[in-house]
């Protein structure tokens, strides 16, 4: 990935099964759903929803979305020990 533009530089990865595996799809989702293009945002992930039926917080950043994103990254890159 180009650190300035966020565009992929080439299609090879040391992670996952192949360039079109879920790892590469995850990288594409990270590019589309993060706040890199929105510097005034108060979160990391975009297009979260607080309550769809109540139409509150639709397509906004949510604290729990950021939390679970970080948890997934931690589980991916290091051992995860649950406290419960």
PDB file of N, CA and C in Angstrom:
ATOM      1  N   UNK A   1       0.842  -1.178   0.000  1.00  0.00           N
ATOM      2  CA  UNK A   1       0.000   0.000   0.000  1.00  0.00           C
ATOM      3  C   UNK A   1       0.882   1.234   0.000  1.00  0.00           C
ATOM      4  N   UNK A   2       0.461   2.208  -0.755  1.00  0.00           N
ATOM      5  CA  UNK A   2       1.143   3.497  -0.745  1.00  0.00           C
ATOM      6  C   UNK A   2       0.687   4.250   0.503  1.00  0.00           C
ATOM      7  N   UNK A   3       1.615   4.637   1.356  1.00  0.00           N
ATOM      8  CA  UNK A   3       1.250   5.261   2.628  1.00  0.00           C
ATOM      9  C   UNK A   3       0.647   6.642   2.444  1.00  0.00           C
ATOM     10  N   UNK A   4       0.874   7.274   1.333  1.00  0.00           N
ATOM     11  CA  UNK A   4       0.314   8.600   1.087  1.00  0.00           C
ATOM     12  C   UNK A   4      -1.099   8.524   0.536  1.00  0.00           C
ATOM     13  N   UNK A   5      -1.297   7.690  -0.472  1.00  0.00           N
ATOM     14  CA  UNK A   5      -2.594   7.622  -1.140  1.00  0.00           C
ATOM     15  C   UNK A   5      -3.491   6.502  -0.635  1.00  0.00           C
ATOM     16  N   UNK A   6      -2.901   5.470  -0.017  1.00  0.00           N
ATOM     17  CA  UNK A   6      -3.684   4.325   0.415  1.00  0.00           C
ATOM     18  C   UNK A   6      -3.971   3.329  -0.685  1.00  0.00           C
ATOM     19  N   UNK A   7      -3.487   3.601  -1.882  1.00  0.00           N
ATOM     20  CA  UNK A   7      -3.706   2.709  -3.017  1.00  0.00           C
ATOM     21  C   UNK A   7      -2.766   1.505  -2.921  1.00  0.00           C
ATOM     22  N   UNK A   8      -3.213   0.338  -3.389  1.00  0.00           N
ATOM     23  CA  UNK A   8      -2.316  -0.819  -3.391  1.00  0.00           C
ATOM     24  C   UNK A   8      -1.191  -0.613  -4.401  1.00  0.00           C
ATOM     25  N   UNK A   9       0.027  -0.991  -4.004  1.00  0.00           N
ATOM     26  CA  UNK A   9       1.177  -0.863  -4.910  1.00  0.00           C
ATOM     27  C   UNK A   9       1.290  -2.078  -5.827  1.00  0.00           C
ATOM     28  N   UNK A  10       0.978  -3.238  -5.325  1.00  0.00           N
ATOM     29  CA  UNK A  10       1.059  -4.458  -6.114  1.00  0.00           C
ATOM     30  C   UNK A  10       0.182  -5.510  -5.446  1.00  0.00           C
ATOM     31  N   UNK A  11       0.010  -6.636  -6.100  1.00  0.00           N
ATOM     32  CA  UNK A  11      -0.935  -7.631  -5.626  1.00  0.00           C
ATOM     33  C   UNK A  11      -0.332  -8.859  -5.009  1.00  0.00           C
ATOM     34  N   UNK A  12       0.696  -8.710  -4.195  1.00  0.00           N
ATOM     35  CA  UNK A  12       1.220  -9.892  -3.522  1.00  0.00           C
ATOM     36  C   UNK A  12       1.147  -9.693  -2.016  1.00  0.00           C
ATOM     37  N   UNK A  13       0.995 -10.783  -1.296  1.00  0.00           N
ATOM     38  CA  UNK A  13       0.884 -10.712   0.153  1.00  0.00           C
ATOM     39  C   UNK A  13       1.561 -11.915   0.783  1.00  0.00           C
ATOM     40  N   UNK A  14       2.143 -11.701   1.944  1.00  0.00           N
ATOM     41  CA  UNK A  14       2.722 -12.816   2.692  1.00  0.00           C
ATOM     42  C   UNK A  14       1.683 -13.402   3.638  1.00  0.00           C
ATOM     43  N   UNK A  15       0.545 -12.773   3.732  1.00  0.00           N
ATOM     44  CA  UNK A  15      -0.535 -13.220   4.606  1.00  0.00           C
ATOM     45  C   UNK A  15      -1.617 -13.889   3.756  1.00  0.00           C
ATOM     46  N   UNK A  16      -2.328 -14.787   4.331  1.00  0.00           N
ATOM     47  CA  UNK A  16      -3.452 -15.409   3.648  1.00  0.00           C
ATOM     48  C   UNK A  16      -3.031 -16.436   2.606  1.00  0.00           C
ATOM     49  N   UNK A  17      -4.007 -17.013   1.966  1.00  0.00           N
ATOM     50  CA  UNK A  17      -3.797 -18.087   1.000  1.00  0.00           C
ATOM     51  C   UNK A  17      -3.316 -17.546  -0.346  1.00  0.00           C
ATOM     52  N   UNK A  18      -3.948 -16.470  -0.813  1.00  0.00           N
ATOM     53  CA  UNK A  18      -3.630 -15.929  -2.137  1.00  0.00           C
ATOM     54  C   UNK A  18      -3.981 -14.449  -2.167  1.00  0.00           C
ATOM     55  N   UNK A  19      -3.625 -13.789  -3.260  1.00  0.00           N
ATOM     56  CA  UNK A  19      -3.910 -12.360  -3.389  1.00  0.00           C
ATOM     57  C   UNK A  19      -5.406 -12.056  -3.368  1.00  0.00           C
ATOM     58  N   UNK A  20      -6.231 -13.025  -3.729  1.00  0.00           N
ATOM     59  CA  UNK A  20      -7.674 -12.797  -3.712  1.00  0.00           C
ATOM     60  C   UNK A  20      -8.350 -13.482  -2.515  1.00  0.00           C
ATOM     61  N   UNK A  21      -7.569 -13.791  -1.480  1.00  0.00           N
ATOM     62  CA  UNK A  21      -8.119 -14.444  -0.285  1.00  0.00           C
ATOM     63  C   UNK A  21      -8.801 -13.429   0.620  1.00  0.00           C
ATOM     64  N   UNK A  22      -9.321 -13.904   1.749  1.00  0.00           N
ATOM     65  CA  UNK A  22     -10.010 -13.010   2.673  1.00  0.00           C
ATOM     66  C   UNK A  22      -9.041 -11.980   3.259  1.00  0.00           C
ATOM     67  N   UNK A  23      -7.752 -12.284   3.342  1.00  0.00           N
ATOM     68  CA  UNK A  23      -6.780 -11.298   3.828  1.00  0.00           C
ATOM     69  C   UNK A  23      -6.764 -10.094   2.900  1.00  0.00           C
ATOM     70  N   UNK A  24      -6.701 -10.320   1.596  1.00  0.00           N
ATOM     71  CA  UNK A  24      -6.671  -9.196   0.658  1.00  0.00           C
ATOM     72  C   UNK A  24      -8.002  -8.459   0.655  1.00  0.00           C
ATOM     73  N   UNK A  25      -9.103  -9.184   0.825  1.00  0.00           N
ATOM     74  CA  UNK A  25     -10.400  -8.507   0.909  1.00  0.00           C
ATOM     75  C   UNK A  25     -10.475  -7.658   2.169  1.00  0.00           C
ATOM     76  N   UNK A  26      -9.873  -8.146   3.259  1.00  0.00           N
ATOM     77  CA  UNK A  26      -9.835  -7.360   4.493  1.00  0.00           C
ATOM     78  C   UNK A  26      -9.055  -6.078   4.312  1.00  0.00           C
ATOM     79  N   UNK A  27      -7.959  -6.139   3.572  1.00  0.00           N
ATOM     80  CA  UNK A  27      -7.191  -4.932   3.293  1.00  0.00           C
ATOM     81  C   UNK A  27      -8.019  -3.936   2.489  1.00  0.00           C
ATOM     82  N   UNK A  28      -8.789  -4.420   1.530  1.00  0.00           N
ATOM     83  CA  UNK A  28      -9.637  -3.545   0.732  1.00  0.00           C
ATOM     84  C   UNK A  28     -10.722  -2.906   1.589  1.00  0.00           C
ATOM     85  N   UNK A  29     -11.312  -3.678   2.509  1.00  0.00           N
ATOM     86  CA  UNK A  29     -12.324  -3.121   3.403  1.00  0.00           C
ATOM     87  C   UNK A  29     -11.734  -2.055   4.308  1.00  0.00           C
ATOM     88  N   UNK A  30     -10.517  -2.285   4.788  1.00  0.00           N
ATOM     89  CA  UNK A  30      -9.863  -1.296   5.644  1.00  0.00           C
ATOM     90  C   UNK A  30      -9.666   0.005   4.884  1.00  0.00           C
ATOM     91  N   UNK A  31      -9.355  -0.078   3.620  1.00  0.00           N
ATOM     92  CA  UNK A  31      -9.169   1.124   2.815  1.00  0.00           C
ATOM     93  C   UNK A  31     -10.494   1.870   2.636  1.00  0.00           C
ATOM     94  N   UNK A  32     -11.563   1.134   2.421  1.00  0.00           N
ATOM     95  CA  UNK A  32     -12.859   1.764   2.143  1.00  0.00           C
ATOM     96  C   UNK A  32     -13.542   2.297   3.399  1.00  0.00           C
ATOM     97  N   UNK A  33     -13.384   1.624   4.539  1.00  0.00           N
ATOM     98  CA  UNK A  33     -14.177   1.953   5.717  1.00  0.00           C
ATOM     99  C   UNK A  33     -13.390   2.589   6.862  1.00  0.00           C
ATOM    100  N   UNK A  34     -12.249   3.186   6.578  1.00  0.00           N
ATOM    101  CA  UNK A  34     -11.519   3.902   7.624  1.00  0.00           C
ATOM    102  C   UNK A  34     -11.580   5.398   7.351  1.00  0.00           C
ATOM    103  N   UNK A  35     -11.235   6.184   8.362  1.00  0.00           N
ATOM    104  CA  UNK A  35     -11.415   7.634   8.296  1.00  0.00           C
ATOM    105  C   UNK A  35     -10.228   8.378   7.699  1.00  0.00           C
ATOM    106  N   UNK A  36      -9.356   7.703   6.998  1.00  0.00           N
ATOM    107  CA  UNK A  36      -8.179   8.365   6.422  1.00  0.00           C
ATOM    108  C   UNK A  36      -8.574   9.554   5.538  1.00  0.00           C
ATOM    109  N   UNK A  37      -9.661   9.434   4.821  1.00  0.00           N
ATOM    110  CA  UNK A  37     -10.116  10.520   3.951  1.00  0.00           C
ATOM    111  C   UNK A  37     -10.892  11.596   4.706  1.00  0.00           C
ATOM    112  N   UNK A  38     -11.157  11.367   5.993  1.00  0.00           N
ATOM    113  CA  UNK A  38     -11.957  12.295   6.801  1.00  0.00           C
ATOM    114  C   UNK A  38     -11.155  12.723   8.031  1.00  0.00           C
ATOM    115  N   UNK A  39     -10.200  13.649   7.880  1.00  0.00           N
ATOM    116  CA  UNK A  39      -9.311  13.991   8.997  1.00  0.00           C
ATOM    117  C   UNK A  39     -10.013  14.613  10.203  1.00  0.00           C
ATOM    118  N   UNK A  40     -11.204  15.168  10.031  1.00  0.00           N
ATOM    119  CA  UNK A  40     -11.922  15.784  11.160  1.00  0.00           C
ATOM    120  C   UNK A  40     -12.814  14.795  11.896  1.00  0.00           C
ATOM    121  N   UNK A  41     -12.746  13.537  11.514  1.00  0.00           N
ATOM    122  CA  UNK A  41     -13.567  12.518  12.147  1.00  0.00           C
ATOM    123  C   UNK A  41     -13.083  12.232  13.565  1.00  0.00           C
ATOM    124  N   UNK A  42     -14.016  11.808  14.427  1.00  0.00           N
ATOM    125  CA  UNK A  42     -13.678  11.471  15.815  1.00  0.00           C
ATOM    126  C   UNK A  42     -13.493   9.980  16.026  1.00  0.00           C
ATOM    127  N   UNK A  43     -13.310   9.226  14.970  1.00  0.00           N
ATOM    128  CA  UNK A  43     -13.151   7.786  15.107  1.00  0.00           C
ATOM    129  C   UNK A  43     -12.190   7.232  14.087  1.00  0.00           C
ATOM    130  N   UNK A  44     -12.195   5.906  13.975  1.00  0.00           N
ATOM    131  CA  UNK A  44     -11.300   5.233  13.043  1.00  0.00           C
ATOM    132  C   UNK A  44     -12.086   4.613  11.895  1.00  0.00           C
ATOM    133  N   UNK A  45     -13.214   4.006  12.215  1.00  0.00           N
ATOM    134  CA  UNK A  45     -14.047   3.366  11.192  1.00  0.00           C
ATOM    135  C   UNK A  45     -15.219   4.254  10.842  1.00  0.00           C
ATOM    136  N   UNK A  46     -15.626   4.236   9.580  1.00  0.00           N
ATOM    137  CA  UNK A  46     -16.786   5.010   9.155  1.00  0.00           C
ATOM    138  C   UNK A  46     -17.937   4.062   8.842  1.00  0.00           C
ATOM    139  N   UNK A  47     -19.098   4.642   8.633  1.00  0.00           N
ATOM    140  CA  UNK A  47     -20.322   3.928   8.274  1.00  0.00           C
ATOM    141  C   UNK A  47     -20.790   2.972   9.359  1.00  0.00           C
ATOM    142  N   UNK A  48     -20.569   3.334  10.615  1.00  0.00           N
ATOM    143  CA  UNK A  48     -21.132   2.582  11.727  1.00  0.00           C
ATOM    144  C   UNK A  48     -22.579   3.011  11.959  1.00  0.00           C
ATOM    145  N   UNK A  49     -23.298   2.284  12.802  1.00  0.00           N
ATOM    146  CA  UNK A  49     -24.698   2.595  13.084  1.00  0.00           C
ATOM    147  C   UNK A  49     -24.948   2.462  14.580  1.00  0.00           C
ATOM    148  N   UNK A  50     -25.538   3.496  15.181  1.00  0.00           N
ATOM    149  CA  UNK A  50     -25.925   3.420  16.587  1.00  0.00           C
ATOM    150  C   UNK A  50     -27.247   2.674  16.709  1.00  0.00           C
ATOM    151  N   UNK A  51     -28.279   3.140  16.027  1.00  0.00           N
ATOM    152  CA  UNK A  51     -29.561   2.427  15.989  1.00  0.00           C
ATOM    153  C   UNK A  51     -30.235   2.672  14.643  1.00  0.00           C
ATOM    154  N   UNK A  52     -30.309   1.641  13.839  1.00  0.00           N
ATOM    155  CA  UNK A  52     -30.948   1.743  12.520  1.00  0.00           C
ATOM    156  C   UNK A  52     -32.455   1.956  12.640  1.00  0.00           C
ATOM    157  N   UNK A  53     -33.171   1.214  13.502  1.00  0.00           N
ATOM    158  CA  UNK A  53     -34.621   1.445  13.609  1.00  0.00           C
ATOM    159  C   UNK A  53     -34.962   2.865  14.077  1.00  0.00           C
ATOM    160  N   UNK A  54     -34.141   3.418  14.977  1.00  0.00           N
ATOM    161  CA  UNK A  54     -34.387   4.771  15.444  1.00  0.00           C
ATOM    162  C   UNK A  54     -33.773   5.835  14.567  1.00  0.00           C
ATOM    163  N   UNK A  55     -33.043   5.418  13.532  1.00  0.00           N
ATOM    164  CA  UNK A  55     -32.381   6.323  12.589  1.00  0.00           C
ATOM    165  C   UNK A  55     -31.446   7.305  13.299  1.00  0.00           C
ATOM    166  N   UNK A  56     -30.717   6.813  14.308  1.00  0.00           N
ATOM    167  CA  UNK A  56     -29.750   7.633  15.027  1.00  0.00           C
ATOM    168  C   UNK A  56     -28.348   7.105  14.763  1.00  0.00           C
ATOM    169  N   UNK A  57     -27.443   8.003  14.459  1.00  0.00           N
ATOM    170  CA  UNK A  57     -26.056   7.611  14.261  1.00  0.00           C
ATOM    171  C   UNK A  57     -25.838   6.703  13.072  1.00  0.00           C
ATOM    172  N   UNK A  58     -26.586   6.881  12.015  1.00  0.00           N
ATOM    173  CA  UNK A  58     -26.431   6.059  10.821  1.00  0.00           C
ATOM    174  C   UNK A  58     -25.286   6.639   9.990  1.00  0.00           C
ATOM    175  N   UNK A  59     -24.379   5.772   9.546  1.00  0.00           N
ATOM    176  CA  UNK A  59     -23.198   6.155   8.763  1.00  0.00           C
ATOM    177  C   UNK A  59     -22.294   7.119   9.520  1.00  0.00           C
ATOM    178  N   UNK A  60     -22.053   6.825  10.775  1.00  0.00           N
ATOM    179  CA  UNK A  60     -21.160   7.617  11.606  1.00  0.00           C
ATOM    180  C   UNK A  60     -20.135   6.703  12.260  1.00  0.00           C
ATOM    181  N   UNK A  61     -19.155   7.303  12.916  1.00  0.00           N
ATOM    182  CA  UNK A  61     -18.182   6.532  13.691  1.00  0.00           C
ATOM    183  C   UNK A  61     -18.839   6.095  14.997  1.00  0.00           C
ATOM    184  N   UNK A  62     -18.530   4.900  15.443  1.00  0.00           N
ATOM    185  CA  UNK A  62     -19.024   4.422  16.733  1.00  0.00           C
ATOM    186  C   UNK A  62     -17.860   3.917  17.556  1.00  0.00           C
ATOM    187  N   UNK A  63     -17.896   4.176  18.849  1.00  0.00           N
ATOM    188  CA  UNK A  63     -16.820   3.777  19.744  1.00  0.00           C
ATOM    189  C   UNK A  63     -16.622   2.265  19.750  1.00  0.00           C
ATOM    190  N   UNK A  64     -17.710   1.499  19.781  1.00  0.00           N
ATOM    191  CA  UNK A  64     -17.583   0.046  19.843  1.00  0.00           C
ATOM    192  C   UNK A  64     -17.057  -0.514  18.523  1.00  0.00           C
ATOM    193  N   UNK A  65     -17.333   0.137  17.410  1.00  0.00           N
ATOM    194  CA  UNK A  65     -16.748  -0.304  16.146  1.00  0.00           C
ATOM    195  C   UNK A  65     -15.235  -0.182  16.182  1.00  0.00           C
ATOM    196  N   UNK A  66     -14.746   0.946  16.705  1.00  0.00           N
ATOM    197  CA  UNK A  66     -13.301   1.140  16.844  1.00  0.00           C
ATOM    198  C   UNK A  66     -12.714   0.119  17.812  1.00  0.00           C
ATOM    199  N   UNK A  67     -13.418  -0.153  18.922  1.00  0.00           N
ATOM    200  CA  UNK A  67     -12.923  -1.118  19.903  1.00  0.00           C
ATOM    201  C   UNK A  67     -12.751  -2.496  19.277  1.00  0.00           C
ATOM    202  N   UNK A  68     -13.781  -2.980  18.582  1.00  0.00           N
ATOM    203  CA  UNK A  68     -13.709  -4.318  18.001  1.00  0.00           C
ATOM    204  C   UNK A  68     -12.701  -4.387  16.855  1.00  0.00           C
ATOM    205  N   UNK A  69     -12.501  -3.267  16.161  1.00  0.00           N
ATOM    206  CA  UNK A  69     -11.467  -3.210  15.130  1.00  0.00           C
ATOM    207  C   UNK A  69     -10.091  -3.407  15.762  1.00  0.00           C
ATOM    208  N   UNK A  70      -9.818  -2.675  16.849  1.00  0.00           N
ATOM    209  CA  UNK A  70      -8.543  -2.832  17.544  1.00  0.00           C
ATOM    210  C   UNK A  70      -8.385  -4.233  18.135  1.00  0.00           C
ATOM    211  N   UNK A  71      -9.458  -4.775  18.677  1.00  0.00           N
ATOM    212  CA  UNK A  71      -9.388  -6.132  19.221  1.00  0.00           C
ATOM    213  C   UNK A  71      -9.024  -7.128  18.129  1.00  0.00           C
ATOM    214  N   UNK A  72      -9.608  -6.975  16.952  1.00  0.00           N
ATOM    215  CA  UNK A  72      -9.293  -7.870  15.848  1.00  0.00           C
ATOM    216  C   UNK A  72      -7.830  -7.741  15.436  1.00  0.00           C
ATOM    217  N   UNK A  73      -7.318  -6.520  15.415  1.00  0.00           N
ATOM    218  CA  UNK A  73      -5.909  -6.321  15.075  1.00  0.00           C
ATOM    219  C   UNK A  73      -4.992  -6.968  16.110  1.00  0.00           C
ATOM    220  N   UNK A  74      -5.333  -6.821  17.379  1.00  0.00           N
ATOM    221  CA  UNK A  74      -4.522  -7.431  18.430  1.00  0.00           C
ATOM    222  C   UNK A  74      -4.552  -8.950  18.299  1.00  0.00           C
ATOM    223  N   UNK A  75      -5.727  -9.504  18.064  1.00  0.00           N
ATOM    224  CA  UNK A  75      -5.828 -10.963  17.895  1.00  0.00           C
ATOM    225  C   UNK A  75      -5.041 -11.443  16.682  1.00  0.00           C
ATOM    226  N   UNK A  76      -4.975 -10.608  15.670  1.00  0.00           N
ATOM    227  CA  UNK A  76      -4.259 -10.973  14.455  1.00  0.00           C
ATOM    228  C   UNK A  76      -2.751 -10.965  14.657  1.00  0.00           C
ATOM    229  N   UNK A  77      -2.247  -9.995  15.386  1.00  0.00           N
ATOM    230  CA  UNK A  77      -0.800  -9.789  15.468  1.00  0.00           C
ATOM    231  C   UNK A  77      -0.127 -10.308  16.731  1.00  0.00           C
ATOM    232  N   UNK A  78      -0.887 -10.692  17.744  1.00  0.00           N
ATOM    233  CA  UNK A  78      -0.265 -11.243  18.939  1.00  0.00           C
ATOM    234  C   UNK A  78      -1.226 -12.189  19.634  1.00  0.00           C
ATOM    235  N   UNK A  79      -0.711 -12.909  20.608  1.00  0.00           N
ATOM    236  CA  UNK A  79      -1.539 -13.868  21.345  1.00  0.00           C
ATOM    237  C   UNK A  79      -2.645 -13.121  22.086  1.00  0.00           C
ATOM    238  N   UNK A  80      -3.812 -13.715  22.137  1.00  0.00           N
ATOM    239  CA  UNK A  80      -4.960 -13.107  22.793  1.00  0.00           C
ATOM    240  C   UNK A  80      -5.348 -13.966  23.989  1.00  0.00           C
ATOM    241  N   UNK A  81      -5.342 -13.388  25.163  1.00  0.00           N
ATOM    242  CA  UNK A  81      -5.721 -14.104  26.368  1.00  0.00           C
ATOM    243  C   UNK A  81      -6.975 -13.467  26.949  1.00  0.00           C
ATOM    244  N   UNK A  82      -8.055 -14.190  26.919  1.00  0.00           N
ATOM    245  CA  UNK A  82      -9.307 -13.664  27.435  1.00  0.00           C
ATOM    246  C   UNK A  82      -9.300 -13.660  28.959  1.00  0.00           C
ATOM    247  N   UNK A  83      -9.843 -12.616  29.524  1.00  0.00           N
ATOM    248  CA  UNK A  83      -9.905 -12.494  30.990  1.00  0.00           C
ATOM    249  C   UNK A  83     -11.127 -13.197  31.573  1.00  0.00           C
ATOM    250  N   UNK A  84     -12.065 -13.586  30.744  1.00  0.00           N
ATOM    251  CA  UNK A  84     -13.311 -14.154  31.252  1.00  0.00           C
ATOM    252  C   UNK A  84     -13.320 -15.642  31.118  1.00  0.00           C
TER     253      UNK A  84
END
